[in-house]
Amino acid sequence: MTMYLDRVGFESAPEPFSWKPRDCSLYALAIGAGIDDVEFTTEGNAGVEQRVYPTFPFAVVSALADAWPDPCFGTGDFPMERAVLGEQALELHRPIEPSGDVETTSRVAGIYDKGSGALIVIEQRAVDRATHAPVFTSTVRMFVTGEGGFGGERDPGPRREPPPDAPPDHVVEAPTLPTQTLLYRHGGNDANPLHIDAAFARRAGWDGPILTGQNVLGFAGRALVHTALSGDAGRLGAIEGRFSTPAYNGDTLRTEIWLDREGAGTSGAKFRVRNQTGVVIVDRGAARFV
């Protein structure tokens, strides 16, 4: 197999995407919102102003990825079953509104040799179509098993700290549905067959469809909003995490949160997500508050 190193630096043409309040409500359901979360799920029809979970941009970038040649943006001729989402970072340049109209540009930021595999870094930047003001930046790090050893550059970072060796400040347990990946297919605009096609998932070496890492990170973001941020979704300025092991439909996601204290307040948090047996799903998660 061959990695196409000449794709580094390649940038797509701007792709438009718009959303409405109903899209934000469906996304909220896809990351565990329930009957008590009316401010996130009822488009303002319950007598409260609609709020949007800050990880909603994952649904935007997933929808736009359908226009790519493949999930890894044409960076090699390897089988797509070998590509898994290794890490995800999201920086919010302003709070996400219930309605939006953006233009997103995708760029291959790097292809790195990890020895046992290849690491592909793709950055997506969204700006408001009317004002061209930055809205969010998403960075994905895709790991392709068995494609290392091509003599490429080594991975330059980032180096994230593990959570503190202390009891967490908050713990949130959220069960997923037996059809969670199908719900996220619609709410999160995830068309990857690894998450919805059992035969495809088994060919890739899994027991069945696995939750996309972005879905799990959305559950973690929701946990942060309702604990550390007391429901104020606009205060989450950035979130990132490394995906250790996939979760499956029906798993319970346990988000453990350690606050970064600064004076009398909190500037952010470290977190991780485990399943019901204690296996770590998202490791070395970090969030920044504004």
Protein backbone atom coordinates (compact mmCIF):
# COMPACT_ATOMS: atom_id res chain seq x y z
CA MET A 1 0.00 0.00 0.00
CA THR A 2 1.11 3.57 -0.59
CA MET A 3 0.67 6.80 1.38
CA TYR A 4 0.27 9.85 -0.86
CA LEU A 5 2.58 12.29 0.91
CA ASP A 6 2.02 14.90 -1.81
CA ARG A 7 -1.48 15.38 -0.37
CA VAL A 8 -0.04 17.20 2.67
CA GLY A 9 -1.11 20.82 2.41
CA PHE A 10 -3.94 20.07 -0.01
CA GLU A 11 -6.97 22.27 0.73
CA SER A 12 -10.51 21.74 -0.48
CA ALA A 13 -12.73 24.32 -2.05
CA PRO A 14 -15.05 25.96 0.51
CA GLU A 15 -18.16 23.86 1.15
CA PRO A 16 -21.39 25.54 2.36
CA PHE A 17 -23.53 24.08 5.13
CA SER A 18 -26.53 25.47 6.96
CA TRP A 19 -28.59 24.19 9.87
CA LYS A 20 -31.83 24.99 11.64
CA PRO A 21 -33.13 24.53 15.21
CA ARG A 22 -34.57 21.08 14.45
CA ASP A 23 -31.11 19.84 13.40
CA CYS A 24 -29.72 20.92 16.77
CA SER A 25 -32.55 19.16 18.62
CA LEU A 26 -31.95 15.91 16.74
CA TYR A 27 -28.24 16.15 17.50
CA ALA A 28 -29.04 16.65 21.20
CA LEU A 29 -31.05 13.41 21.21
CA ALA A 30 -28.14 11.63 19.50
CA ILE A 31 -25.80 12.51 22.40
CA GLY A 32 -28.14 11.43 25.17
CA ALA A 33 -30.48 14.35 25.81
CA GLY A 34 -33.82 13.35 27.31
CA ILE A 35 -37.26 14.54 28.27
CA ASP A 36 -35.90 16.96 30.90
CA ASP A 37 -33.58 18.76 28.46
CA VAL A 38 -36.30 20.87 26.83
CA GLU A 39 -34.01 23.85 26.24
CA PHE A 40 -31.91 21.67 23.91
CA THR A 41 -34.62 19.49 22.31
CA THR A 42 -37.82 21.48 21.64
CA GLU A 43 -36.72 24.36 19.34
CA GLY A 44 -38.01 26.87 21.89
CA ASN A 45 -41.54 25.40 21.88
CA ALA A 46 -41.47 24.61 25.62
CA GLY A 47 -41.35 28.28 26.58
CA VAL A 48 -37.56 28.45 26.90
CA GLU A 49 -34.97 29.80 24.48
CA GLN A 50 -33.28 27.03 22.52
CA ARG A 51 -29.72 26.17 23.43
CA VAL A 52 -27.26 24.15 21.37
CA TYR A 53 -24.72 21.64 22.63
CA PRO A 54 -21.26 22.97 21.72
CA THR A 55 -20.18 19.73 20.03
CA PHE A 56 -22.82 20.21 17.32
CA PRO A 57 -20.05 21.13 14.80
CA PHE A 58 -19.21 17.41 14.68
CA ALA A 59 -22.49 16.97 12.79
CA VAL A 60 -21.45 19.73 10.38
CA VAL A 61 -18.02 18.33 9.53
CA SER A 62 -19.38 14.78 9.21
CA ALA A 63 -21.97 15.93 6.69
CA LEU A 64 -19.37 17.78 4.64
CA ALA A 65 -17.01 14.78 4.68
CA ASP A 66 -19.45 13.03 2.34
CA ALA A 67 -17.96 15.13 -0.46
CA TRP A 68 -14.43 13.80 0.24
CA PRO A 69 -12.99 10.96 -1.87
CA ASP A 70 -12.93 8.83 1.32
CA PRO A 71 -12.78 9.32 5.13
CA CYS A 72 -9.01 9.96 4.92
CA PHE A 73 -9.25 12.60 2.18
CA GLY A 74 -7.47 10.61 -0.54
CA THR A 75 -4.21 10.25 1.39
CA GLY A 76 -3.47 6.61 0.45
CA ASP A 77 -4.63 3.46 -1.35
CA PHE A 78 -5.20 1.42 1.82
CA PRO A 79 -8.51 -0.38 2.59
CA MET A 80 -10.85 1.96 4.47
CA GLU A 81 -11.50 -0.77 7.06
CA ARG A 82 -7.99 -0.04 8.41
CA ALA A 83 -8.72 3.62 9.14
CA VAL A 84 -10.00 4.56 12.60
CA LEU A 85 -10.55 7.92 14.25
CA GLY A 86 -7.68 8.25 16.73
CA GLU A 87 -8.19 11.74 18.15
CA GLN A 88 -10.58 14.65 17.77
CA ALA A 89 -10.22 18.30 18.77
CA LEU A 90 -12.74 21.10 18.43
CA GLU A 91 -12.17 24.81 19.04
CA LEU A 92 -15.20 27.08 19.15
CA HIS A 93 -14.55 30.68 18.15
CA ARG A 94 -18.03 31.70 19.27
CA PRO A 95 -21.08 29.93 20.76
CA ILE A 96 -23.08 27.82 18.32
CA GLU A 97 -26.49 29.28 17.49
CA PRO A 98 -29.67 27.27 16.72
CA SER A 99 -29.51 28.47 13.11
CA GLY A 100 -26.30 28.85 11.15
CA ASP A 101 -24.83 29.18 7.68
CA VAL A 102 -21.13 28.45 7.31
CA GLU A 103 -18.49 27.74 4.72
CA THR A 104 -15.97 25.05 5.64
CA THR A 105 -12.52 24.42 4.17
CA SER A 106 -10.73 21.10 4.77
CA ARG A 107 -6.95 20.74 4.69
CA VAL A 108 -4.57 17.78 4.98
CA ALA A 109 -2.36 19.10 7.78
CA GLY A 110 0.03 16.14 7.92
CA ILE A 111 0.78 12.46 7.24
CA TYR A 112 3.04 10.92 9.88
CA ASP A 113 4.83 7.59 10.25
CA LYS A 114 3.94 5.90 13.54
CA GLY A 115 5.82 2.70 12.79
CA SER A 116 2.87 0.38 13.27
CA GLY A 117 0.63 2.62 11.20
CA ALA A 118 0.16 5.97 9.52
CA LEU A 119 -1.36 9.05 11.16
CA ILE A 120 -3.35 11.45 8.99
CA VAL A 121 -4.24 14.89 10.37
CA ILE A 122 -7.12 16.78 8.75
CA GLU A 123 -8.17 20.28 9.79
CA GLN A 124 -11.55 21.79 8.98
CA ARG A 125 -12.16 25.51 9.44
CA ALA A 126 -15.65 27.01 9.33
CA VAL A 127 -16.47 30.69 8.83
CA ASP A 128 -19.79 32.50 8.76
CA ARG A 129 -20.87 32.81 5.11
CA ALA A 130 -22.19 36.35 5.56
CA THR A 131 -19.45 37.90 7.71
CA HIS A 132 -16.51 35.48 7.17
CA ALA A 133 -15.96 35.52 10.94
CA PRO A 134 -14.47 32.27 12.32
CA VAL A 135 -17.05 29.91 13.83
CA PHE A 136 -15.11 26.72 14.69
CA THR A 137 -12.02 24.66 13.85
CA SER A 138 -12.15 20.86 13.93
CA THR A 139 -9.02 18.69 13.82
CA VAL A 140 -9.21 14.93 13.30
CA ARG A 141 -6.32 12.50 13.60
CA MET A 142 -6.98 9.27 11.69
CA PHE A 143 -4.85 6.19 12.40
CA VAL A 144 -4.37 3.67 9.60
CA THR A 145 -3.20 0.30 10.94
CA GLY A 146 -0.40 -1.49 9.14
CA GLU A 147 0.56 1.49 6.97
CA GLY A 148 3.65 2.68 8.88
CA GLY A 149 7.29 2.22 8.03
CA PHE A 150 7.23 4.39 4.93
CA GLY A 151 10.00 6.66 6.22
CA GLY A 152 7.81 9.67 6.83
CA GLU A 153 7.99 12.35 9.51
CA ARG A 154 7.28 11.31 13.08
CA ASP A 155 4.21 12.63 14.84
CA PRO A 156 5.02 16.05 16.44
CA GLY A 157 2.26 16.10 19.04
CA PRO A 158 0.07 17.00 20.86
CA ARG A 159 1.17 15.53 24.20
CA ARG A 160 -1.80 15.51 26.54
CA GLU A 161 -1.61 15.03 30.29
CA PRO A 162 -3.43 12.11 31.93
CA PRO A 163 -6.19 12.90 34.43
CA PRO A 164 -5.14 13.59 38.02
CA ASP A 165 -4.53 10.72 40.41
CA ALA A 166 -7.49 11.77 42.55
CA PRO A 167 -11.24 11.15 42.72
CA PRO A 168 -13.11 13.04 39.94
CA ASP A 169 -15.13 16.15 40.75
CA HIS A 170 -18.07 14.89 38.69
CA VAL A 171 -19.18 11.53 37.32
CA VAL A 172 -21.99 11.25 34.77
CA GLU A 173 -23.35 7.88 33.62
CA ALA A 174 -25.38 7.77 30.41
CA PRO A 175 -26.76 4.58 28.82
CA THR A 176 -26.67 4.35 25.05
CA LEU A 177 -29.47 2.85 23.00
CA PRO A 178 -29.42 -0.51 21.19
CA THR A 179 -29.81 1.66 18.07
CA GLN A 180 -27.45 4.45 19.16
CA THR A 181 -25.29 4.37 16.01
CA LEU A 182 -28.38 4.53 13.81
CA LEU A 183 -29.67 7.56 15.74
CA TYR A 184 -26.28 9.25 15.43
CA ARG A 185 -26.27 8.45 11.71
CA HIS A 186 -29.09 11.00 11.43
CA GLY A 187 -28.40 13.37 14.33
CA GLY A 188 -24.65 13.44 13.73
CA ASN A 189 -24.74 13.03 9.92
CA ASP A 190 -22.47 9.98 10.18
CA ALA A 191 -22.59 7.84 7.03
CA ASN A 192 -19.52 5.67 7.77
CA PRO A 193 -20.58 2.01 7.33
CA LEU A 194 -18.34 1.01 10.25
CA HIS A 195 -21.00 2.45 12.56
CA ILE A 196 -24.15 1.12 10.87
CA ASP A 197 -23.26 -1.99 8.82
CA ALA A 198 -22.65 -5.10 10.96
CA ALA A 199 -20.95 -7.07 8.16
CA PHE A 200 -18.61 -4.17 7.35
CA ALA A 201 -17.74 -3.76 11.04
CA ARG A 202 -16.94 -7.46 11.39
CA ARG A 203 -14.63 -7.31 8.36
CA ALA A 204 -12.81 -4.51 10.16
CA GLY A 205 -12.33 -6.77 13.19
CA TRP A 206 -15.12 -5.53 15.49
CA ASP A 207 -18.00 -7.47 17.05
CA GLY A 208 -20.53 -5.20 15.38
CA PRO A 209 -21.15 -1.52 14.59
CA ILE A 210 -19.14 0.73 16.91
CA LEU A 211 -20.00 4.20 18.15
CA THR A 212 -18.12 6.91 16.33
CA GLY A 213 -15.63 8.62 18.60
CA GLN A 214 -17.36 11.93 17.91
CA ASN A 215 -20.59 10.50 19.32
CA VAL A 216 -18.81 9.48 22.53
CA LEU A 217 -17.10 12.88 22.73
CA GLY A 218 -20.54 14.47 22.33
CA PHE A 219 -21.75 12.54 25.39
CA ALA A 220 -18.69 13.84 27.28
CA GLY A 221 -19.35 17.40 26.14
CA ARG A 222 -22.94 17.14 27.31
CA ALA A 223 -21.75 15.86 30.70
CA LEU A 224 -19.40 18.85 31.00
CA VAL A 225 -22.19 21.30 30.13
CA HIS A 226 -24.58 19.96 32.76
CA THR A 227 -22.03 19.61 35.58
CA ALA A 228 -19.00 21.90 35.33
CA LEU A 229 -20.87 24.60 33.38
CA SER A 230 -24.30 24.38 35.05
CA GLY A 231 -26.06 24.17 31.71
CA ASP A 232 -24.33 27.17 30.09
CA ALA A 233 -23.31 25.56 26.79
CA GLY A 234 -21.78 28.80 25.49
CA ARG A 235 -18.95 28.56 28.01
CA LEU A 236 -17.32 25.52 26.43
CA GLY A 237 -14.57 26.96 24.26
CA ALA A 238 -12.71 23.80 23.24
CA ILE A 239 -12.81 20.05 23.73
CA GLU A 240 -10.49 17.23 22.66
CA GLY A 241 -9.85 13.58 23.38
CA ARG A 242 -8.02 10.45 22.30
CA PHE A 243 -10.05 7.35 21.42
CA SER A 244 -8.67 4.25 23.12
CA THR A 245 -11.27 1.53 22.56
CA PRO A 246 -14.60 1.63 20.70
CA ALA A 247 -17.93 1.57 22.47
CA TYR A 248 -20.89 -0.47 21.22
CA ASN A 249 -24.63 0.07 21.03
CA GLY A 250 -26.14 -0.45 24.47
CA ASP A 251 -22.99 0.43 26.41
CA THR A 252 -23.17 2.80 29.37
CA LEU A 253 -20.80 5.74 29.04
CA ARG A 254 -19.31 6.98 32.32
CA THR A 255 -17.70 10.43 32.01
CA GLU A 256 -15.26 11.25 34.83
CA ILE A 257 -14.43 14.96 35.16
CA TRP A 258 -11.60 16.72 37.01
CA LEU A 259 -11.88 20.52 37.12
CA ASP A 260 -8.93 22.80 36.38
CA ARG A 261 -9.28 25.37 39.14
CA GLU A 262 -8.00 28.92 38.71
CA GLY A 263 -8.50 31.21 41.66
CA ALA A 264 -12.15 31.06 42.68
CA GLY A 265 -13.29 29.66 39.33
CA THR A 266 -12.53 26.94 36.82
CA SER A 267 -10.67 27.42 33.53
CA GLY A 268 -11.33 23.98 32.11
CA ALA A 269 -11.33 20.29 32.90
CA LYS A 270 -9.66 16.97 32.28
CA PHE A 271 -11.91 14.00 31.61
CA ARG A 272 -12.10 10.42 30.44
CA VAL A 273 -14.94 8.13 29.41
CA ARG A 274 -15.26 4.48 30.47
CA ASN A 275 -17.82 1.83 29.61
CA GLN A 276 -19.85 -0.23 32.10
CA THR A 277 -16.97 -2.68 32.62
CA GLY A 278 -14.42 0.06 33.32
CA VAL A 279 -12.66 -0.04 29.93
CA VAL A 280 -11.45 3.43 28.88
CA ILE A 281 -13.16 4.64 25.69
CA VAL A 282 -11.89 8.25 25.60
CA ASP A 283 -8.56 8.95 27.29
CA ARG A 284 -6.76 12.18 28.19
CA GLY A 285 -9.74 14.35 27.37
CA ALA A 286 -9.43 18.08 27.94
CA ALA A 287 -11.82 21.01 27.81
CA ARG A 288 -11.31 24.77 27.98
CA PHE A 289 -13.94 27.09 29.42
CA VAL A 290 -14.57 30.72 28.47
